[in-house]
Amino acid sequence: MWGKCKDKKGKWVSHSGNFDTLFSDNNELKKEFLSSVFSTFNDSIARYFVPEINSGENDLHSIVADMEEEKRFIFISK
């Protein structure tokens, strides 16, 4: 899971940014994406969350917060 953002030249950069930058602050698109991800994997099987974010802790925390905000994604620690 990762976001995307534009660099100073306007080129999209993968593994950077968060869902807000990926969806240009469009909360409706972000929620639709998260809903789609949830429904794709909603089969009662626990999975690993593998964040691939090279742009820093803030973007990682933002992605996790967005997923938790959906109130359907549950993160457990082993």
PDB file of N, CA and C in Angstrom:
ATOM      1  N   MET A   1       0.857  -1.160   0.000  1.00  0.00           N
ATOM      2  CA  MET A   1       0.000   0.000   0.000  1.00  0.00           C
ATOM      3  C   MET A   1       0.905   1.224   0.000  1.00  0.00           C
ATOM      4  N   TRP A   2       0.624   2.147  -0.894  1.00  0.00           N
ATOM      5  CA  TRP A   2       1.386   3.389  -0.907  1.00  0.00           C
ATOM      6  C   TRP A   2       0.556   4.513  -1.514  1.00  0.00           C
ATOM      7  N   GLY A   3       1.049   5.701  -1.337  1.00  0.00           N
ATOM      8  CA  GLY A   3       0.429   6.866  -1.950  1.00  0.00           C
ATOM      9  C   GLY A   3       1.231   7.279  -3.171  1.00  0.00           C
ATOM     10  N   LYS A   4       0.897   8.413  -3.680  1.00  0.00           N
ATOM     11  CA  LYS A   4       1.600   8.980  -4.820  1.00  0.00           C
ATOM     12  C   LYS A   4       1.491  10.483  -4.695  1.00  0.00           C
ATOM     13  N   CYS A   5       2.529  11.183  -5.112  1.00  0.00           N
ATOM     14  CA  CYS A   5       2.453  12.640  -5.117  1.00  0.00           C
ATOM     15  C   CYS A   5       3.265  13.170  -6.285  1.00  0.00           C
ATOM     16  N   LYS A   6       3.062  14.421  -6.579  1.00  0.00           N
ATOM     17  CA  LYS A   6       3.803  15.050  -7.670  1.00  0.00           C
ATOM     18  C   LYS A   6       5.070  15.686  -7.119  1.00  0.00           C
ATOM     19  N   ASP A   7       6.149  15.580  -7.898  1.00  0.00           N
ATOM     20  CA  ASP A   7       7.385  16.243  -7.500  1.00  0.00           C
ATOM     21  C   ASP A   7       7.340  17.699  -7.951  1.00  0.00           C
ATOM     22  N   LYS A   8       8.432  18.406  -7.778  1.00  0.00           N
ATOM     23  CA  LYS A   8       8.470  19.837  -8.104  1.00  0.00           C
ATOM     24  C   LYS A   8       8.243  20.114  -9.587  1.00  0.00           C
ATOM     25  N   LYS A   9       8.510  19.110 -10.433  1.00  0.00           N
ATOM     26  CA  LYS A   9       8.312  19.271 -11.877  1.00  0.00           C
ATOM     27  C   LYS A   9       6.920  18.834 -12.321  1.00  0.00           C
ATOM     28  N   GLY A  10       6.108  18.359 -11.372  1.00  0.00           N
ATOM     29  CA  GLY A  10       4.752  17.924 -11.701  1.00  0.00           C
ATOM     30  C   GLY A  10       4.646  16.470 -12.121  1.00  0.00           C
ATOM     31  N   LYS A  11       5.741  15.722 -11.983  1.00  0.00           N
ATOM     32  CA  LYS A  11       5.752  14.303 -12.344  1.00  0.00           C
ATOM     33  C   LYS A  11       5.295  13.464 -11.145  1.00  0.00           C
ATOM     34  N   TRP A  12       4.406  12.472 -11.391  1.00  0.00           N
ATOM     35  CA  TRP A  12       3.925  11.603 -10.322  1.00  0.00           C
ATOM     36  C   TRP A  12       5.040  10.686  -9.827  1.00  0.00           C
ATOM     37  N   VAL A  13       5.158  10.573  -8.514  1.00  0.00           N
ATOM     38  CA  VAL A  13       6.185   9.741  -7.883  1.00  0.00           C
ATOM     39  C   VAL A  13       5.488   8.693  -7.017  1.00  0.00           C
ATOM     40  N   SER A  14       5.706   7.421  -7.344  1.00  0.00           N
ATOM     41  CA  SER A  14       5.145   6.323  -6.549  1.00  0.00           C
ATOM     42  C   SER A  14       5.895   6.174  -5.237  1.00  0.00           C
ATOM     43  N   HIS A  15       5.249   5.531  -4.276  1.00  0.00           N
ATOM     44  CA  HIS A  15       5.828   5.257  -2.962  1.00  0.00           C
ATOM     45  C   HIS A  15       6.121   6.545  -2.183  1.00  0.00           C
ATOM     46  N   SER A  16       5.464   7.604  -2.560  1.00  0.00           N
ATOM     47  CA  SER A  16       5.604   8.890  -1.885  1.00  0.00           C
ATOM     48  C   SER A  16       4.218   9.469  -1.682  1.00  0.00           C
ATOM     49  N   GLY A  17       4.088  10.310  -0.691  1.00  0.00           N
ATOM     50  CA  GLY A  17       2.803  10.939  -0.450  1.00  0.00           C
ATOM     51  C   GLY A  17       1.857  10.022   0.299  1.00  0.00           C
ATOM     52  N   ASN A  18       0.590  10.365   0.239  1.00  0.00           N
ATOM     53  CA  ASN A  18      -0.436   9.612   0.955  1.00  0.00           C
ATOM     54  C   ASN A  18      -1.678   9.568   0.077  1.00  0.00           C
ATOM     55  N   PHE A  19      -2.802   9.162   0.646  1.00  0.00           N
ATOM     56  CA  PHE A  19      -4.015   9.073  -0.156  1.00  0.00           C
ATOM     57  C   PHE A  19      -4.559  10.450  -0.523  1.00  0.00           C
ATOM     58  N   ASP A  20      -4.306  11.450   0.299  1.00  0.00           N
ATOM     59  CA  ASP A  20      -4.758  12.804  -0.034  1.00  0.00           C
ATOM     60  C   ASP A  20      -4.050  13.319  -1.283  1.00  0.00           C
ATOM     61  N   THR A  21      -2.749  13.093  -1.363  1.00  0.00           N
ATOM     62  CA  THR A  21      -2.013  13.551  -2.551  1.00  0.00           C
ATOM     63  C   THR A  21      -2.369  12.688  -3.762  1.00  0.00           C
ATOM     64  N   LEU A  22      -2.570  11.382  -3.539  1.00  0.00           N
ATOM     65  CA  LEU A  22      -2.922  10.483  -4.639  1.00  0.00           C
ATOM     66  C   LEU A  22      -4.244  10.880  -5.278  1.00  0.00           C
ATOM     67  N   PHE A  23      -5.226  11.244  -4.446  1.00  0.00           N
ATOM     68  CA  PHE A  23      -6.552  11.582  -4.953  1.00  0.00           C
ATOM     69  C   PHE A  23      -6.818  13.087  -4.966  1.00  0.00           C
ATOM     70  N   SER A  24      -5.762  13.874  -4.948  1.00  0.00           N
ATOM     71  CA  SER A  24      -5.856  15.337  -5.034  1.00  0.00           C
ATOM     72  C   SER A  24      -6.878  15.912  -4.052  1.00  0.00           C
ATOM     73  N   ASP A  25      -6.810  15.438  -2.803  1.00  0.00           N
ATOM     74  CA  ASP A  25      -7.682  15.893  -1.719  1.00  0.00           C
ATOM     75  C   ASP A  25      -9.174  15.673  -1.985  1.00  0.00           C
ATOM     76  N   ASN A  26      -9.497  14.708  -2.849  1.00  0.00           N
ATOM     77  CA  ASN A  26     -10.893  14.366  -3.118  1.00  0.00           C
ATOM     78  C   ASN A  26     -11.298  13.240  -2.162  1.00  0.00           C
ATOM     79  N   ASN A  27     -11.965  13.608  -1.063  1.00  0.00           N
ATOM     80  CA  ASN A  27     -12.328  12.628  -0.035  1.00  0.00           C
ATOM     81  C   ASN A  27     -13.280  11.562  -0.548  1.00  0.00           C
ATOM     82  N   GLU A  28     -14.132  11.907  -1.487  1.00  0.00           N
ATOM     83  CA  GLU A  28     -15.068  10.924  -2.049  1.00  0.00           C
ATOM     84  C   GLU A  28     -14.308   9.815  -2.787  1.00  0.00           C
ATOM     85  N   LEU A  29     -13.330  10.193  -3.606  1.00  0.00           N
ATOM     86  CA  LEU A  29     -12.520   9.191  -4.309  1.00  0.00           C
ATOM     87  C   LEU A  29     -11.713   8.344  -3.333  1.00  0.00           C
ATOM     88  N   LYS A  30     -11.165   8.995  -2.329  1.00  0.00           N
ATOM     89  CA  LYS A  30     -10.374   8.269  -1.328  1.00  0.00           C
ATOM     90  C   LYS A  30     -11.234   7.237  -0.614  1.00  0.00           C
ATOM     91  N   LYS A  31     -12.422   7.630  -0.191  1.00  0.00           N
ATOM     92  CA  LYS A  31     -13.324   6.706   0.503  1.00  0.00           C
ATOM     93  C   LYS A  31     -13.758   5.571  -0.417  1.00  0.00           C
ATOM     94  N   GLU A  32     -14.003   5.869  -1.679  1.00  0.00           N
ATOM     95  CA  GLU A  32     -14.395   4.835  -2.641  1.00  0.00           C
ATOM     96  C   GLU A  32     -13.262   3.823  -2.835  1.00  0.00           C
ATOM     97  N   PHE A  33     -12.039   4.330  -2.925  1.00  0.00           N
ATOM     98  CA  PHE A  33     -10.869   3.455  -3.047  1.00  0.00           C
ATOM     99  C   PHE A  33     -10.746   2.547  -1.826  1.00  0.00           C
ATOM    100  N   LEU A  34     -10.820   3.135  -0.643  1.00  0.00           N
ATOM    101  CA  LEU A  34     -10.684   2.339   0.581  1.00  0.00           C
ATOM    102  C   LEU A  34     -11.819   1.330   0.715  1.00  0.00           C
ATOM    103  N   SER A  35     -13.000   1.701   0.318  1.00  0.00           N
ATOM    104  CA  SER A  35     -14.131   0.777   0.335  1.00  0.00           C
ATOM    105  C   SER A  35     -13.892  -0.387  -0.612  1.00  0.00           C
ATOM    106  N   SER A  36     -13.345  -0.098  -1.775  1.00  0.00           N
ATOM    107  CA  SER A  36     -13.032  -1.140  -2.755  1.00  0.00           C
ATOM    108  C   SER A  36     -11.959  -2.099  -2.239  1.00  0.00           C
ATOM    109  N   VAL A  37     -10.931  -1.547  -1.615  1.00  0.00           N
ATOM    110  CA  VAL A  37      -9.873  -2.393  -1.039  1.00  0.00           C
ATOM    111  C   VAL A  37     -10.463  -3.277   0.055  1.00  0.00           C
ATOM    112  N   PHE A  38     -11.288  -2.683   0.910  1.00  0.00           N
ATOM    113  CA  PHE A  38     -11.889  -3.449   1.994  1.00  0.00           C
ATOM    114  C   PHE A  38     -12.750  -4.583   1.445  1.00  0.00           C
ATOM    115  N   SER A  39     -13.616  -4.289   0.485  1.00  0.00           N
ATOM    116  CA  SER A  39     -14.513  -5.319  -0.037  1.00  0.00           C
ATOM    117  C   SER A  39     -13.749  -6.411  -0.786  1.00  0.00           C
ATOM    118  N   THR A  40     -12.631  -6.061  -1.396  1.00  0.00           N
ATOM    119  CA  THR A  40     -11.819  -7.060  -2.093  1.00  0.00           C
ATOM    120  C   THR A  40     -11.255  -8.097  -1.123  1.00  0.00           C
ATOM    121  N   PHE A  41     -10.863  -7.661   0.051  1.00  0.00           N
ATOM    122  CA  PHE A  41     -10.211  -8.554   1.011  1.00  0.00           C
ATOM    123  C   PHE A  41     -11.083  -8.902   2.211  1.00  0.00           C
ATOM    124  N   ASN A  42     -12.356  -8.644   2.148  1.00  0.00           N
ATOM    125  CA  ASN A  42     -13.254  -8.907   3.269  1.00  0.00           C
ATOM    126  C   ASN A  42     -13.696 -10.379   3.271  1.00  0.00           C
ATOM    127  N   ASP A  43     -12.803 -11.247   3.740  1.00  0.00           N
ATOM    128  CA  ASP A  43     -13.106 -12.679   3.759  1.00  0.00           C
ATOM    129  C   ASP A  43     -12.669 -13.341   5.068  1.00  0.00           C
ATOM    130  N   SER A  44     -12.516 -12.556   6.113  1.00  0.00           N
ATOM    131  CA  SER A  44     -12.163 -13.041   7.455  1.00  0.00           C
ATOM    132  C   SER A  44     -10.778 -13.680   7.540  1.00  0.00           C
ATOM    133  N   ILE A  45      -9.938 -13.435   6.564  1.00  0.00           N
ATOM    134  CA  ILE A  45      -8.555 -13.926   6.597  1.00  0.00           C
ATOM    135  C   ILE A  45      -7.652 -12.755   6.974  1.00  0.00           C
ATOM    136  N   ALA A  46      -6.859 -12.941   8.027  1.00  0.00           N
ATOM    137  CA  ALA A  46      -5.917 -11.889   8.439  1.00  0.00           C
ATOM    138  C   ALA A  46      -4.807 -11.777   7.395  1.00  0.00           C
ATOM    139  N   ARG A  47      -4.407 -10.556   7.115  1.00  0.00           N
ATOM    140  CA  ARG A  47      -3.352 -10.319   6.129  1.00  0.00           C
ATOM    141  C   ARG A  47      -2.317  -9.360   6.707  1.00  0.00           C
ATOM    142  N   TYR A  48      -1.127  -9.400   6.123  1.00  0.00           N
ATOM    143  CA  TYR A  48      -0.088  -8.461   6.512  1.00  0.00           C
ATOM    144  C   TYR A  48      -0.329  -7.134   5.806  1.00  0.00           C
ATOM    145  N   PHE A  49      -0.065  -6.073   6.509  1.00  0.00           N
ATOM    146  CA  PHE A  49      -0.101  -4.730   5.931  1.00  0.00           C
ATOM    147  C   PHE A  49       1.335  -4.369   5.587  1.00  0.00           C
ATOM    148  N   VAL A  50       1.594  -4.138   4.311  1.00  0.00           N
ATOM    149  CA  VAL A  50       2.957  -3.835   3.865  1.00  0.00           C
ATOM    150  C   VAL A  50       2.975  -2.427   3.278  1.00  0.00           C
ATOM    151  N   PRO A  51       3.314  -1.447   4.102  1.00  0.00           N
ATOM    152  CA  PRO A  51       3.394  -0.087   3.581  1.00  0.00           C
ATOM    153  C   PRO A  51       4.703   0.111   2.824  1.00  0.00           C
ATOM    154  N   GLU A  52       4.615   0.728   1.678  1.00  0.00           N
ATOM    155  CA  GLU A  52       5.807   1.021   0.876  1.00  0.00           C
ATOM    156  C   GLU A  52       5.848   2.530   0.665  1.00  0.00           C
ATOM    157  N   ILE A  53       6.266   3.229   1.701  1.00  0.00           N
ATOM    158  CA  ILE A  53       6.222   4.683   1.688  1.00  0.00           C
ATOM    159  C   ILE A  53       7.624   5.226   1.959  1.00  0.00           C
ATOM    160  N   ASN A  54       8.170   5.885   0.971  1.00  0.00           N
ATOM    161  CA  ASN A  54       9.530   6.413   1.081  1.00  0.00           C
ATOM    162  C   ASN A  54       9.576   7.890   1.454  1.00  0.00           C
ATOM    163  N   SER A  55       8.409   8.491   1.647  1.00  0.00           N
ATOM    164  CA  SER A  55       8.383   9.935   1.863  1.00  0.00           C
ATOM    165  C   SER A  55       8.266  10.339   3.330  1.00  0.00           C
ATOM    166  N   GLY A  56       8.341   9.378   4.227  1.00  0.00           N
ATOM    167  CA  GLY A  56       8.390   9.743   5.638  1.00  0.00           C
ATOM    168  C   GLY A  56       7.255   9.208   6.480  1.00  0.00           C
ATOM    169  N   GLU A  57       7.469   9.352   7.778  1.00  0.00           N
ATOM    170  CA  GLU A  57       6.535   8.865   8.782  1.00  0.00           C
ATOM    171  C   GLU A  57       5.166   9.525   8.700  1.00  0.00           C
ATOM    172  N   ASN A  58       5.128  10.802   8.388  1.00  0.00           N
ATOM    173  CA  ASN A  58       3.846  11.508   8.335  1.00  0.00           C
ATOM    174  C   ASN A  58       2.913  10.904   7.299  1.00  0.00           C
ATOM    175  N   ASP A  59       3.455  10.555   6.135  1.00  0.00           N
ATOM    176  CA  ASP A  59       2.628   9.945   5.097  1.00  0.00           C
ATOM    177  C   ASP A  59       2.180   8.547   5.514  1.00  0.00           C
ATOM    178  N   LEU A  60       3.046   7.796   6.159  1.00  0.00           N
ATOM    179  CA  LEU A  60       2.675   6.476   6.671  1.00  0.00           C
ATOM    180  C   LEU A  60       1.533   6.599   7.671  1.00  0.00           C
ATOM    181  N   HIS A  61       1.678   7.495   8.627  1.00  0.00           N
ATOM    182  CA  HIS A  61       0.636   7.690   9.639  1.00  0.00           C
ATOM    183  C   HIS A  61      -0.677   8.151   9.002  1.00  0.00           C
ATOM    184  N   SER A  62      -0.592   8.968   7.979  1.00  0.00           N
ATOM    185  CA  SER A  62      -1.787   9.452   7.288  1.00  0.00           C
ATOM    186  C   SER A  62      -2.534   8.301   6.617  1.00  0.00           C
ATOM    187  N   ILE A  63      -1.807   7.406   5.956  1.00  0.00           N
ATOM    188  CA  ILE A  63      -2.426   6.260   5.291  1.00  0.00           C
ATOM    189  C   ILE A  63      -3.087   5.334   6.305  1.00  0.00           C
ATOM    190  N   VAL A  64      -2.388   5.043   7.389  1.00  0.00           N
ATOM    191  CA  VAL A  64      -2.955   4.187   8.438  1.00  0.00           C
ATOM    192  C   VAL A  64      -4.193   4.846   9.041  1.00  0.00           C
ATOM    193  N   ALA A  65      -4.123   6.137   9.315  1.00  0.00           N
ATOM    194  CA  ALA A  65      -5.267   6.849   9.897  1.00  0.00           C
ATOM    195  C   ALA A  65      -6.468   6.811   8.950  1.00  0.00           C
ATOM    196  N   ASP A  66      -6.229   6.992   7.656  1.00  0.00           N
ATOM    197  CA  ASP A  66      -7.331   6.922   6.685  1.00  0.00           C
ATOM    198  C   ASP A  66      -7.969   5.538   6.678  1.00  0.00           C
ATOM    199  N   MET A  67      -7.145   4.503   6.770  1.00  0.00           N
ATOM    200  CA  MET A  67      -7.683   3.135   6.776  1.00  0.00           C
ATOM    201  C   MET A  67      -8.455   2.859   8.063  1.00  0.00           C
ATOM    202  N   GLU A  68      -7.938   3.323   9.178  1.00  0.00           N
ATOM    203  CA  GLU A  68      -8.639   3.131  10.453  1.00  0.00           C
ATOM    204  C   GLU A  68      -9.928   3.941  10.504  1.00  0.00           C
ATOM    205  N   GLU A  69      -9.920   5.099   9.876  1.00  0.00           N
ATOM    206  CA  GLU A  69     -11.092   5.978   9.880  1.00  0.00           C
ATOM    207  C   GLU A  69     -12.284   5.316   9.202  1.00  0.00           C
ATOM    208  N   GLU A  70     -12.012   4.438   8.279  1.00  0.00           N
ATOM    209  CA  GLU A  70     -13.083   3.706   7.613  1.00  0.00           C
ATOM    210  C   GLU A  70     -13.807   2.786   8.589  1.00  0.00           C
ATOM    211  N   LYS A  71     -13.212   2.560   9.754  1.00  0.00           N
ATOM    212  CA  LYS A  71     -13.782   1.754  10.829  1.00  0.00           C
ATOM    213  C   LYS A  71     -13.982   0.290  10.446  1.00  0.00           C
ATOM    214  N   ARG A  72     -13.399  -0.103   9.346  1.00  0.00           N
ATOM    215  CA  ARG A  72     -13.499  -1.498   8.951  1.00  0.00           C
ATOM    216  C   ARG A  72     -12.135  -2.168   8.938  1.00  0.00           C
ATOM    217  N   PHE A  73     -11.094  -1.390   8.681  1.00  0.00           N
ATOM    218  CA  PHE A  73      -9.741  -1.941   8.702  1.00  0.00           C
ATOM    219  C   PHE A  73      -9.303  -2.047  10.149  1.00  0.00           C
ATOM    220  N   ILE A  74      -8.831  -3.205  10.527  1.00  0.00           N
ATOM    221  CA  ILE A  74      -8.371  -3.434  11.902  1.00  0.00           C
ATOM    222  C   ILE A  74      -6.921  -3.905  11.844  1.00  0.00           C
ATOM    223  N   PHE A  75      -6.059  -3.197  12.553  1.00  0.00           N
ATOM    224  CA  PHE A  75      -4.660  -3.567  12.611  1.00  0.00           C
ATOM    225  C   PHE A  75      -4.395  -4.275  13.942  1.00  0.00           C
ATOM    226  N   ILE A  76      -3.741  -5.434  13.858  1.00  0.00           N
ATOM    227  CA  ILE A  76      -3.359  -6.161  15.066  1.00  0.00           C
ATOM    228  C   ILE A  76      -1.845  -6.313  15.060  1.00  0.00           C
ATOM    229  N   SER A  77      -1.301  -6.492  16.220  1.00  0.00           N
ATOM    230  CA  SER A  77       0.146  -6.635  16.361  1.00  0.00           C
ATOM    231  C   SER A  77       0.437  -8.015  16.939  1.00  0.00           C
ATOM    232  N   LYS A  78       1.461  -8.635  16.409  1.00  0.00           N
ATOM    233  CA  LYS A  78       1.844  -9.959  16.936  1.00  0.00           C
ATOM    234  C   LYS A  78       3.155  -9.880  17.644  1.00  0.00           C
TER     235      LYS A  78
END
